[in-house]
Amino acid sequence: MTGFELVADLTSLRGELAARLVAQWSAVGGLSDLAATATIAIPPAALEACTSVPASWRIVAAPIASGFWDAVLSEAGRQDRAAMVLMAPVVPGAEALGVLLDLLDLDHRLAGELRAHRADPLGDDALDLAGVSR
């Protein structure tokens, strides 16, 4: 797998928070190093601050047209890319993303909500990747 589609709807956040998240995700060493493409919806107030993103990223200001997200996810499927749907204002760690990409490389049929667990013979150590879908 050569990367994934990062999908996030940040339209319900304050403009400054949405802009800060986009900046973190697109920074060198962030999600931009792993995501092949991204589609991120933001509040209109954040648009001016979200200009320094990779060329393959789409930043869209609200309001979002009906059917937009269906089209985004369908296109990711046609391109044979997994879609990582961020449903909260988070900055996923590299370890979680690495585990996710390894799992998707092993089984391309993963769909819906994915919850990955690391086997820990000495305890119940789980890595929660809820909300990630293909």
Foldseek 3Di string as FASTA:
>chain_A
DQAAEEEEEAAVDPLVLLLVLLCQQQDVVFVVVHHPEYEYEYAPSNVVSNDPHDPRYHYHYDDDDPCPVVVVCVVRVVVLHWYFYDYDSDGDDPVLVVVVVVVCVVPVPWADFDFAQDDDPVDGGGDGSGRGGD
